[in-house]
């Protein structure tokens, strides 16, 4: 077969170094930007930095923790106590330290002989820990890329809020890839769920525990499948009996022996309902907000926070010297190169400020009701909505909101907090899932202590308010809020 040499014209996008730098700068948080500015200014004498102004009219943002979706835990005040049989009682068995009603299964009892080092939070985030494992997956590069994207979609508890189909569509829009390749996404999800810690990459605590049981059965071949099955049954159908240590009821429900029940307790004790808790939690941190939201003439508006926006400029003396040298000799010199680099960096930072403000104002425009009335008035919003408002690409919106914060009279919020899925209302309007979660919290806060509201009852009450939310969805939202089931909220 002869080798032919052909010329073909075509177009392809090439990122210039200037554009690459602008993209990188946009993705930085305010703290990372300050570090980068100081690094560049130390290396480039042409760059002058005017440090950010201190805030005067607003509360000191460093003193207020960053606001993300609330994580309230409603706990039973005390254990009801069971009816132990024979010598199988909390005083004599090896499971007395289990306290399911305090939602501390994965940690056991802090009063035991556990080393204090076991309670030290790692300096590594969950995302960093997972990303470090991805190169070792036996998967093709395109699947590893999807696993990395899924890692970025996990919340601080290692759980998802967005359906896999929506995440796949969002990835396809950002990368121009095939959105129909759902088989690869399912493969990527399974690969993510195989990573350490066990139990991440699902949608609820119950799914996390079920996944941990599955992985435990696969990793310990000598563990009898019957014990795994009994543990699954106990977690799905006898959670109240577990919490109250009602051993007689558990034995009847599971149809098991005392020894099997003890083994089931040991298995459940090894599980962790919050597998991400041992990692550094970026949800609770102290930060200077990038955006300040204030009300003017009844309208909420966004403005850059002067405390997080250092002013950059060229050193006038050095700039004059470089200009004079250029007139004498047009040849490129290191000084002229440094001056050009400083100008490009200044433009990148200024463009970051402009893009952030543009995106933030679009968010504030759509969330006027939220800033006036709180979370219950949060409007459903996705990246595509802000992209349509601003004319920017969704990937640009993502970079402009990731790790960026705004301060309002209601508190400090990450910009990504305002993006949420929607629930249909009888009026035909869409309601934010976060607003529904807020309503669920409010209903539970007002429930009778002796007769807490079940998920089915909560679903009925929401329907009366005009929101069609299935019982299973209510259970998912309740677990995302770290609120215990009704059987464990009952107070005698």
Protein backbone atom coordinates (compact mmCIF):
# COMPACT_ATOMS: atom_id res chain seq x y z
CA UNK A 1 0.00 0.00 0.00
CA UNK A 2 1.59 3.33 -1.06
CA UNK A 3 2.10 6.06 1.51
CA UNK A 4 0.37 9.28 0.46
CA UNK A 5 1.22 12.69 1.82
CA UNK A 6 -1.80 14.96 1.97
CA UNK A 7 -2.37 18.52 3.09
CA UNK A 8 -5.56 19.23 4.95
CA UNK A 9 -6.90 22.50 6.28
CA UNK A 10 -8.72 22.57 9.58
CA UNK A 11 -9.47 24.61 12.64
CA UNK A 12 -8.81 23.73 16.24
CA UNK A 13 -8.77 25.72 19.44
CA UNK A 14 -5.35 26.29 20.98
CA UNK A 15 -5.05 27.74 24.46
CA UNK A 16 -2.46 30.49 24.51
CA UNK A 17 -0.30 30.84 27.65
CA UNK A 18 -2.22 34.03 28.46
CA UNK A 19 -5.59 32.25 28.25
CA UNK A 20 -4.29 29.32 30.29
CA UNK A 21 -3.16 31.71 33.01
CA UNK A 22 -6.54 33.49 33.01
CA UNK A 23 -8.34 30.15 33.43
CA UNK A 24 -6.04 29.10 36.27
CA UNK A 25 -6.42 32.43 38.09
CA UNK A 26 -10.22 32.28 37.81
CA UNK A 27 -10.25 28.88 39.51
CA UNK A 28 -8.27 30.04 42.55
CA UNK A 29 -9.90 30.79 45.88
CA UNK A 30 -9.21 34.19 47.47
CA UNK A 31 -6.56 32.68 49.76
CA UNK A 32 -4.91 30.86 46.86
CA UNK A 33 -5.01 34.04 44.78
CA UNK A 34 -3.19 36.01 47.49
CA UNK A 35 -0.52 33.30 47.64
CA UNK A 36 -0.15 33.37 43.86
CA UNK A 37 0.05 37.19 43.80
CA UNK A 38 2.80 37.18 46.41
CA UNK A 39 4.66 34.43 44.55
CA UNK A 40 4.54 36.34 41.26
CA UNK A 41 5.45 39.68 42.86
CA UNK A 42 8.46 38.12 44.61
CA UNK A 43 9.69 36.89 41.24
CA UNK A 44 8.71 39.93 39.16
CA UNK A 45 9.80 43.42 40.33
CA UNK A 46 7.46 45.05 37.78
CA UNK A 47 4.41 43.91 39.73
CA UNK A 48 3.27 46.18 42.56
CA UNK A 49 0.66 44.98 45.06
CA UNK A 50 -1.62 47.20 47.14
CA UNK A 51 -2.84 45.05 50.01
CA UNK A 52 -6.62 44.63 50.43
CA UNK A 53 -8.52 47.19 52.49
CA UNK A 54 -9.96 46.16 55.83
CA UNK A 55 -13.74 45.98 56.02
CA UNK A 56 -15.39 48.68 58.08
CA UNK A 57 -19.13 48.53 57.57
CA UNK A 58 -19.53 44.76 57.61
CA UNK A 59 -19.00 42.18 60.28
CA UNK A 60 -15.52 40.72 60.35
CA UNK A 61 -15.85 37.78 57.95
CA UNK A 62 -12.93 35.96 59.53
CA UNK A 63 -14.95 35.60 62.72
CA UNK A 64 -17.89 33.88 61.01
CA UNK A 65 -17.77 30.30 59.74
CA UNK A 66 -18.56 29.72 56.11
CA UNK A 67 -22.20 28.80 55.53
CA UNK A 68 -22.93 25.70 53.54
CA UNK A 69 -26.02 23.53 53.63
CA UNK A 70 -26.94 23.04 57.29
CA UNK A 71 -26.07 19.72 58.92
CA UNK A 72 -28.35 19.54 61.93
CA UNK A 73 -28.45 16.33 63.91
CA UNK A 74 -31.60 15.54 65.86
CA UNK A 75 -30.80 12.89 68.43
CA UNK A 76 -32.69 10.82 70.94
CA UNK A 77 -32.06 12.13 74.44
CA UNK A 78 -31.50 8.71 75.95
CA UNK A 79 -31.81 5.00 75.21
CA UNK A 80 -35.09 3.34 76.02
CA UNK A 81 -33.42 0.12 77.16
CA UNK A 82 -34.36 -3.35 75.96
CA UNK A 83 -35.35 -6.66 77.44
CA UNK A 84 -32.16 -8.70 77.45
CA UNK A 85 -32.43 -12.41 77.91
CA UNK A 86 -30.15 -14.41 80.21
CA UNK A 87 -26.57 -13.19 80.32
CA UNK A 88 -26.90 -11.45 76.94
CA UNK A 89 -27.26 -7.92 78.28
CA UNK A 90 -25.49 -4.59 77.84
CA UNK A 91 -23.76 -5.14 81.16
CA UNK A 92 -22.18 -8.43 80.08
CA UNK A 93 -21.90 -8.46 76.29
CA UNK A 94 -19.26 -6.85 74.12
CA UNK A 95 -21.65 -4.40 72.49
CA UNK A 96 -22.62 -2.20 75.42
CA UNK A 97 -20.61 0.69 74.00
CA UNK A 98 -22.74 0.80 70.86
CA UNK A 99 -24.93 3.89 70.91
CA UNK A 100 -26.92 4.00 67.70
CA UNK A 101 -29.20 6.80 68.92
CA UNK A 102 -26.17 9.11 69.08
CA UNK A 103 -25.23 8.37 65.45
CA UNK A 104 -21.68 7.45 66.38
CA UNK A 105 -21.47 3.94 65.03
CA UNK A 106 -18.20 4.37 63.19
CA UNK A 107 -16.30 5.76 66.17
CA UNK A 108 -17.44 3.55 69.03
CA UNK A 109 -17.02 4.91 72.53
CA UNK A 110 -14.46 7.67 73.16
CA UNK A 111 -14.11 6.37 76.72
CA UNK A 112 -12.50 3.12 75.55
CA UNK A 113 -8.76 2.57 75.20
CA UNK A 114 -8.64 4.08 71.71
CA UNK A 115 -5.48 6.04 71.09
CA UNK A 116 -5.97 9.85 70.98
CA UNK A 117 -4.15 9.77 67.63
CA UNK A 118 -7.13 7.88 66.20
CA UNK A 119 -9.26 10.99 66.79
CA UNK A 120 -6.92 13.44 65.06
CA UNK A 121 -8.43 14.75 61.84
CA UNK A 122 -6.19 14.24 58.83
CA UNK A 123 -4.92 17.32 56.99
CA UNK A 124 -5.95 15.65 53.72
CA UNK A 125 -9.39 16.33 52.26
CA UNK A 126 -11.65 13.53 51.08
CA UNK A 127 -11.28 14.72 47.48
CA UNK A 128 -7.48 14.70 47.72
CA UNK A 129 -7.52 11.21 49.23
CA UNK A 130 -9.74 9.88 46.45
CA UNK A 131 -7.86 11.63 43.63
CA UNK A 132 -4.62 10.01 44.82
CA UNK A 133 -6.16 6.56 44.28
CA UNK A 134 -7.55 7.13 40.78
CA UNK A 135 -4.25 6.52 38.90
CA UNK A 136 -4.13 3.01 40.37
CA UNK A 137 -7.57 1.99 39.11
CA UNK A 138 -7.52 -0.67 36.42
CA UNK A 139 -9.69 1.40 34.15
CA UNK A 140 -9.14 3.14 30.79
CA UNK A 141 -8.28 6.87 30.84
CA UNK A 142 -11.78 7.93 29.79
CA UNK A 143 -13.31 6.12 32.79
CA UNK A 144 -10.68 7.53 35.17
CA UNK A 145 -11.57 11.02 33.91
CA UNK A 146 -15.21 10.39 34.77
CA UNK A 147 -14.26 9.06 38.22
CA UNK A 148 -12.32 12.28 38.85
CA UNK A 149 -15.36 14.33 37.82
CA UNK A 150 -17.59 12.34 40.17
CA UNK A 151 -15.15 12.95 43.03
CA UNK A 152 -15.66 16.68 42.53
CA UNK A 153 -19.44 16.23 42.82
CA UNK A 154 -19.32 14.60 46.28
CA UNK A 155 -20.42 16.67 49.25
CA UNK A 156 -18.48 16.88 52.52
CA UNK A 157 -20.12 13.62 53.66
CA UNK A 158 -18.98 11.69 50.59
CA UNK A 159 -22.54 11.59 49.20
CA UNK A 160 -24.13 12.75 45.95
CA UNK A 161 -27.08 15.12 45.67
CA UNK A 162 -27.32 15.16 41.87
CA UNK A 163 -28.55 12.12 39.88
CA UNK A 164 -25.88 10.35 37.84
CA UNK A 165 -27.67 11.17 34.58
CA UNK A 166 -27.54 14.92 35.34
CA UNK A 167 -23.84 14.74 36.24
CA UNK A 168 -23.14 12.90 32.98
CA UNK A 169 -25.04 15.54 30.97
CA UNK A 170 -23.18 18.37 32.72
CA UNK A 171 -19.82 16.72 31.99
CA UNK A 172 -20.79 16.24 28.35
CA UNK A 173 -21.70 19.93 27.98
CA UNK A 174 -18.42 21.02 29.56
CA UNK A 175 -16.19 18.69 27.54
CA UNK A 176 -18.15 18.15 24.33
CA UNK A 177 -18.15 14.38 24.94
CA UNK A 178 -20.91 11.87 24.19
CA UNK A 179 -23.69 12.22 26.80
CA UNK A 180 -25.17 8.85 25.77
CA UNK A 181 -22.16 6.86 27.02
CA UNK A 182 -23.99 5.97 30.23
CA UNK A 183 -22.36 2.55 30.49
CA UNK A 184 -19.00 4.22 31.08
CA UNK A 185 -20.56 6.43 33.78
CA UNK A 186 -21.97 3.41 35.59
CA UNK A 187 -18.54 1.80 35.38
CA UNK A 188 -16.97 4.99 36.76
CA UNK A 189 -19.47 5.04 39.63
CA UNK A 190 -18.63 1.45 40.58
CA UNK A 191 -14.92 2.30 40.41
CA UNK A 192 -15.44 5.29 42.70
CA UNK A 193 -17.40 3.17 45.18
CA UNK A 194 -14.49 0.71 45.31
CA UNK A 195 -12.12 3.38 46.65
CA UNK A 196 -11.20 4.06 50.27
CA UNK A 197 -13.05 5.00 52.45
CA UNK A 198 -15.76 2.42 51.93
CA UNK A 199 -19.28 3.77 51.66
CA UNK A 200 -18.80 6.92 49.57
CA UNK A 201 -20.36 7.68 46.19
CA UNK A 202 -24.00 6.96 47.12
CA UNK A 203 -27.04 9.12 47.93
CA UNK A 204 -27.90 8.39 51.55
CA UNK A 205 -26.56 7.01 54.82
CA UNK A 206 -28.57 3.81 54.42
CA UNK A 207 -27.07 3.25 50.95
CA UNK A 208 -23.62 3.93 52.41
CA UNK A 209 -24.07 1.28 55.10
CA UNK A 210 -25.41 -1.21 52.54
CA UNK A 211 -22.38 -0.58 50.31
CA UNK A 212 -20.03 -1.04 53.25
CA UNK A 213 -21.66 -4.39 54.04
CA UNK A 214 -21.29 -5.48 50.41
CA UNK A 215 -17.61 -4.48 50.31
CA UNK A 216 -17.01 -6.13 53.69
CA UNK A 217 -18.42 -9.41 52.39
CA UNK A 218 -16.19 -9.19 49.31
CA UNK A 219 -13.02 -8.30 51.23
CA UNK A 220 -13.41 -10.92 53.99
CA UNK A 221 -14.00 -14.27 52.23
CA UNK A 222 -14.25 -16.16 55.53
CA UNK A 223 -17.17 -14.03 56.70
CA UNK A 224 -20.33 -16.15 56.38
CA UNK A 225 -22.79 -14.68 53.86
CA UNK A 226 -25.59 -15.38 56.36
CA UNK A 227 -24.12 -12.87 58.80
CA UNK A 228 -23.94 -10.21 56.08
CA UNK A 229 -27.57 -10.96 55.19
CA UNK A 230 -28.62 -10.74 58.86
CA UNK A 231 -26.81 -7.40 59.24
CA UNK A 232 -28.56 -6.03 56.14
CA UNK A 233 -31.94 -7.13 57.52
CA UNK A 234 -31.18 -5.56 60.91
CA UNK A 235 -30.22 -2.22 59.34
CA UNK A 236 -33.14 -2.05 56.92
CA UNK A 237 -35.93 -3.46 59.05
CA UNK A 238 -34.93 -3.36 62.71
CA UNK A 239 -33.11 -0.07 63.19
CA UNK A 240 -35.25 0.86 66.20
CA UNK A 241 -34.55 -2.44 67.94
CA UNK A 242 -30.83 -1.98 67.26
CA UNK A 243 -30.85 1.52 68.70
CA UNK A 244 -32.75 0.48 71.82
CA UNK A 245 -30.79 -2.76 72.27
CA UNK A 246 -33.98 -4.80 72.18
CA UNK A 247 -32.19 -8.13 71.81
CA UNK A 248 -35.28 -10.31 72.21
CA UNK A 249 -37.06 -8.52 69.37
CA UNK A 250 -33.95 -8.69 67.19
CA UNK A 251 -33.65 -12.45 67.72
CA UNK A 252 -37.28 -12.94 66.77
CA UNK A 253 -37.01 -10.72 63.70
CA UNK A 254 -33.75 -12.21 62.46
CA UNK A 255 -34.46 -15.79 63.58
CA UNK A 256 -30.88 -16.10 64.78
CA UNK A 257 -28.93 -17.43 67.74
CA UNK A 258 -27.25 -15.38 70.47
CA UNK A 259 -23.84 -15.98 68.89
CA UNK A 260 -25.09 -14.87 65.48
CA UNK A 261 -26.63 -11.75 66.99
CA UNK A 262 -23.35 -10.88 68.70
CA UNK A 263 -21.54 -11.31 65.37
CA UNK A 264 -24.11 -9.09 63.65
CA UNK A 265 -23.48 -6.38 66.25
CA UNK A 266 -19.74 -6.63 65.67
CA UNK A 267 -20.25 -6.28 61.93
CA UNK A 268 -22.52 -3.26 62.31
CA UNK A 269 -20.12 -1.72 64.81
CA UNK A 270 -17.40 -1.85 62.14
CA UNK A 271 -19.50 0.31 59.79
CA UNK A 272 -19.32 4.09 59.63
CA UNK A 273 -22.44 6.12 58.73
CA UNK A 274 -20.16 9.10 58.07
CA UNK A 275 -17.16 7.64 56.17
CA UNK A 276 -15.83 11.10 55.28
CA UNK A 277 -15.66 12.30 58.89
CA UNK A 278 -11.98 11.41 59.34
CA UNK A 279 -10.89 13.81 56.62
CA UNK A 280 -10.34 17.54 56.74
CA UNK A 281 -13.74 19.14 56.36
CA UNK A 282 -13.66 22.18 54.12
CA UNK A 283 -17.32 22.82 54.99
CA UNK A 284 -16.31 24.39 58.32
CA UNK A 285 -13.63 26.95 57.72
CA UNK A 286 -12.90 30.62 58.13
CA UNK A 287 -12.62 32.70 55.00
CA UNK A 288 -12.76 36.22 53.68
CA UNK A 289 -15.77 36.42 51.34
CA UNK A 290 -15.14 37.45 47.74
CA UNK A 291 -18.55 39.11 47.31
CA UNK A 292 -20.61 41.39 49.57
CA UNK A 293 -24.39 41.38 49.13
CA UNK A 294 -26.30 44.46 50.30
CA UNK A 295 -29.78 45.85 49.78
CA UNK A 296 -30.24 49.14 47.94
CA UNK A 297 -33.67 50.60 47.20
CA UNK A 298 -35.27 47.24 47.97
CA UNK A 299 -33.03 45.29 45.59
CA UNK A 300 -30.17 42.98 46.59
CA UNK A 301 -26.94 43.71 44.75
CA UNK A 302 -23.47 42.18 44.66
CA UNK A 303 -20.14 43.97 44.98
CA UNK A 304 -16.54 42.86 45.23
CA UNK A 305 -15.20 42.70 48.76
CA UNK A 306 -12.26 45.13 49.02
CA UNK A 307 -10.78 42.92 51.75
CA UNK A 308 -10.22 40.11 49.23
CA UNK A 309 -9.32 42.11 46.11
CA UNK A 310 -5.74 43.41 46.19
CA UNK A 311 -5.00 46.07 43.59
CA UNK A 312 -2.19 45.30 41.13
CA UNK A 313 -0.19 47.74 39.02
CA UNK A 314 3.09 48.11 37.17
CA UNK A 315 5.99 49.71 39.00
CA UNK A 316 6.04 53.13 37.26
CA UNK A 317 9.82 53.67 37.53
CA UNK A 318 10.68 50.23 36.13
CA UNK A 319 7.99 50.56 33.45
CA UNK A 320 9.56 53.86 32.28
CA UNK A 321 13.00 52.25 32.18
CA UNK A 322 11.69 49.31 30.16
CA UNK A 323 9.92 51.69 27.76
CA UNK A 324 13.07 53.77 27.27
CA UNK A 325 15.13 50.64 26.66
CA UNK A 326 12.62 49.45 24.06
CA UNK A 327 12.96 52.71 22.14
CA UNK A 328 16.73 52.40 22.06
CA UNK A 329 16.77 48.71 21.12
CA UNK A 330 13.75 46.81 19.75
CA UNK A 331 15.38 43.50 20.65
CA UNK A 332 13.65 41.45 23.37
CA UNK A 333 15.31 41.72 26.77
CA UNK A 334 14.63 39.96 30.11
CA UNK A 335 13.31 43.26 31.51
CA UNK A 336 10.82 43.71 28.70
CA UNK A 337 9.75 40.08 29.11
CA UNK A 338 9.15 40.61 32.84
CA UNK A 339 7.11 43.73 32.12
CA UNK A 340 4.97 41.83 29.61
CA UNK A 341 4.44 38.97 32.07
CA UNK A 342 3.33 41.41 34.77
CA UNK A 343 0.81 43.02 32.38
CA UNK A 344 -0.65 39.62 31.45
CA UNK A 345 -0.96 38.62 35.11
CA UNK A 346 -2.67 41.90 36.00
CA UNK A 347 -5.17 41.41 33.16
CA UNK A 348 -5.86 37.84 34.35
CA UNK A 349 -6.59 38.99 37.90
CA UNK A 350 -8.78 41.89 36.73
CA UNK A 351 -10.68 39.51 34.45
CA UNK A 352 -11.18 37.18 37.43
CA UNK A 353 -12.73 40.01 39.45
CA UNK A 354 -14.96 41.02 36.53
CA UNK A 355 -16.15 37.46 35.84
CA UNK A 356 -16.79 36.71 39.52
CA UNK A 357 -18.87 39.87 39.95
CA UNK A 358 -20.80 39.17 36.77
CA UNK A 359 -21.62 35.63 37.91
CA UNK A 360 -22.38 36.68 41.50
CA UNK A 361 -24.79 39.41 40.38
CA UNK A 362 -26.61 36.90 38.18
CA UNK A 363 -26.96 34.55 41.17
CA UNK A 364 -28.17 37.39 43.41
CA UNK A 365 -30.68 38.50 40.77
CA UNK A 366 -32.18 35.00 40.70
CA UNK A 367 -32.12 34.59 44.49
CA UNK A 368 -33.70 37.88 45.61
CA UNK A 369 -36.35 35.98 47.60
CA UNK A 370 -33.70 33.92 49.39
CA UNK A 371 -31.85 36.97 50.70
CA UNK A 372 -35.15 38.44 51.92
CA UNK A 373 -36.87 35.33 53.30
CA UNK A 374 -34.24 32.64 53.84
CA UNK A 375 -33.65 29.10 52.64
CA UNK A 376 -37.31 28.24 52.23
CA UNK A 377 -37.43 30.75 49.36
CA UNK A 378 -34.35 29.40 47.55
CA UNK A 379 -34.98 29.29 43.80
CA UNK A 380 -33.91 26.18 41.83
CA UNK A 381 -30.88 27.04 39.74
CA UNK A 382 -28.24 25.17 37.71
CA UNK A 383 -25.06 26.23 35.94
CA UNK A 384 -26.94 26.43 32.64
CA UNK A 385 -29.19 29.20 34.02
CA UNK A 386 -26.27 31.45 34.96
CA UNK A 387 -24.55 30.65 31.67
CA UNK A 388 -27.66 31.87 29.84
CA UNK A 389 -27.75 35.07 31.91
CA UNK A 390 -24.10 35.95 31.47
CA UNK A 391 -23.22 34.47 28.09
CA UNK A 392 -20.38 32.56 29.71
CA UNK A 393 -19.63 28.84 29.32
CA UNK A 394 -20.80 26.50 32.08
CA UNK A 395 -17.20 25.50 32.82
CA UNK A 396 -16.40 29.18 33.40
CA UNK A 397 -19.37 29.47 35.77
CA UNK A 398 -18.11 26.42 37.64
CA UNK A 399 -14.62 27.91 38.07
CA UNK A 400 -16.06 31.28 39.12
CA UNK A 401 -18.19 29.71 41.88
CA UNK A 402 -16.00 26.90 43.19
CA UNK A 403 -14.32 27.96 46.43
CA UNK A 404 -15.76 31.49 46.20
CA UNK A 405 -17.95 32.96 48.95
CA UNK A 406 -20.40 35.78 49.46
CA UNK A 407 -21.39 37.57 52.65
CA UNK A 408 -24.93 38.77 53.22
CA UNK A 409 -26.95 39.71 56.31
CA UNK A 410 -27.99 36.03 56.45
CA UNK A 411 -24.39 34.81 56.71
CA UNK A 412 -21.53 33.64 54.51
CA UNK A 413 -22.35 31.17 51.73
CA UNK A 414 -20.31 29.38 49.11
CA UNK A 415 -21.53 30.46 45.68
CA UNK A 416 -22.04 26.81 44.71
CA UNK A 417 -24.54 26.54 47.57
CA UNK A 418 -27.14 28.34 45.47
CA UNK A 419 -27.17 25.64 42.79
CA UNK A 420 -29.74 22.93 43.47
CA UNK A 421 -32.15 20.57 41.75
CA UNK A 422 -35.89 21.25 41.78
CA UNK A 423 -39.10 19.68 43.04
CA UNK A 424 -42.41 20.21 41.26
CA UNK A 425 -45.15 22.14 43.04
CA UNK A 426 -48.89 21.91 42.40
CA UNK A 427 -48.80 25.48 41.12
CA UNK A 428 -46.55 24.32 38.31
CA UNK A 429 -43.58 26.24 39.67
CA UNK A 430 -40.28 24.55 40.46
CA UNK A 431 -39.06 24.60 44.05
CA UNK A 432 -35.45 24.13 45.16
CA UNK A 433 -34.64 20.82 46.83
CA UNK A 434 -32.81 22.83 49.50
CA UNK A 435 -36.05 24.71 50.22
CA UNK A 436 -37.84 21.37 50.66
CA UNK A 437 -35.10 20.23 53.03
CA UNK A 438 -35.59 23.43 55.00
CA UNK A 439 -39.33 22.71 55.26
CA UNK A 440 -38.62 19.17 56.45
CA UNK A 441 -36.33 20.53 59.16
CA UNK A 442 -39.01 22.99 60.25
CA UNK A 443 -41.72 20.31 60.39
CA UNK A 444 -39.52 17.98 62.43
CA UNK A 445 -38.52 20.79 64.79
CA UNK A 446 -42.20 21.32 65.64
CA UNK A 447 -43.23 17.64 65.85
CA UNK A 448 -44.60 16.15 69.11
CA UNK A 449 -41.73 14.65 71.11
CA UNK A 450 -43.71 11.51 71.92
CA UNK A 451 -44.99 11.00 68.36
CA UNK A 452 -42.40 12.07 65.77
CA UNK A 453 -43.38 12.43 62.14
CA UNK A 454 -42.65 9.47 59.88
CA UNK A 455 -41.29 9.99 56.37
CA UNK A 456 -44.72 9.08 54.98
CA UNK A 457 -46.39 11.66 57.21
CA UNK A 458 -43.84 14.30 56.21
CA UNK A 459 -44.61 13.51 52.57
CA UNK A 460 -48.33 14.04 53.27
CA UNK A 461 -47.70 17.36 55.05
CA UNK A 462 -45.55 18.59 52.17
CA UNK A 463 -48.31 17.60 49.75
CA UNK A 464 -50.76 19.69 51.79
CA UNK A 465 -48.40 22.63 51.28
CA UNK A 466 -48.43 22.00 47.53
CA UNK A 467 -45.20 20.03 47.10
CA UNK A 468 -45.19 16.59 45.51
CA UNK A 469 -42.36 14.81 47.33
CA UNK A 470 -42.32 11.01 47.52
CA UNK A 471 -41.67 9.27 50.84
CA UNK A 472 -38.36 7.90 49.56
CA UNK A 473 -37.26 11.39 48.56
CA UNK A 474 -38.22 12.69 52.00
CA UNK A 475 -36.09 9.94 53.55
CA UNK A 476 -33.16 10.93 51.33
CA UNK A 477 -33.45 14.62 52.25
CA UNK A 478 -33.81 13.76 55.95
CA UNK A 479 -30.65 11.66 55.85
CA UNK A 480 -28.81 14.43 54.01
CA UNK A 481 -29.75 16.70 56.92
CA UNK A 482 -28.42 14.02 59.32
CA UNK A 483 -31.80 13.71 60.99
CA UNK A 484 -32.58 10.34 62.53
CA UNK A 485 -35.66 8.28 61.58
CA UNK A 486 -38.88 8.82 63.53
CA UNK A 487 -38.32 5.63 65.54
CA UNK A 488 -35.08 7.09 66.92
CA UNK A 489 -36.42 10.60 67.53
CA UNK A 490 -39.14 9.45 69.90
CA UNK A 491 -38.73 10.80 73.43
CA UNK A 492 -40.52 9.10 76.30
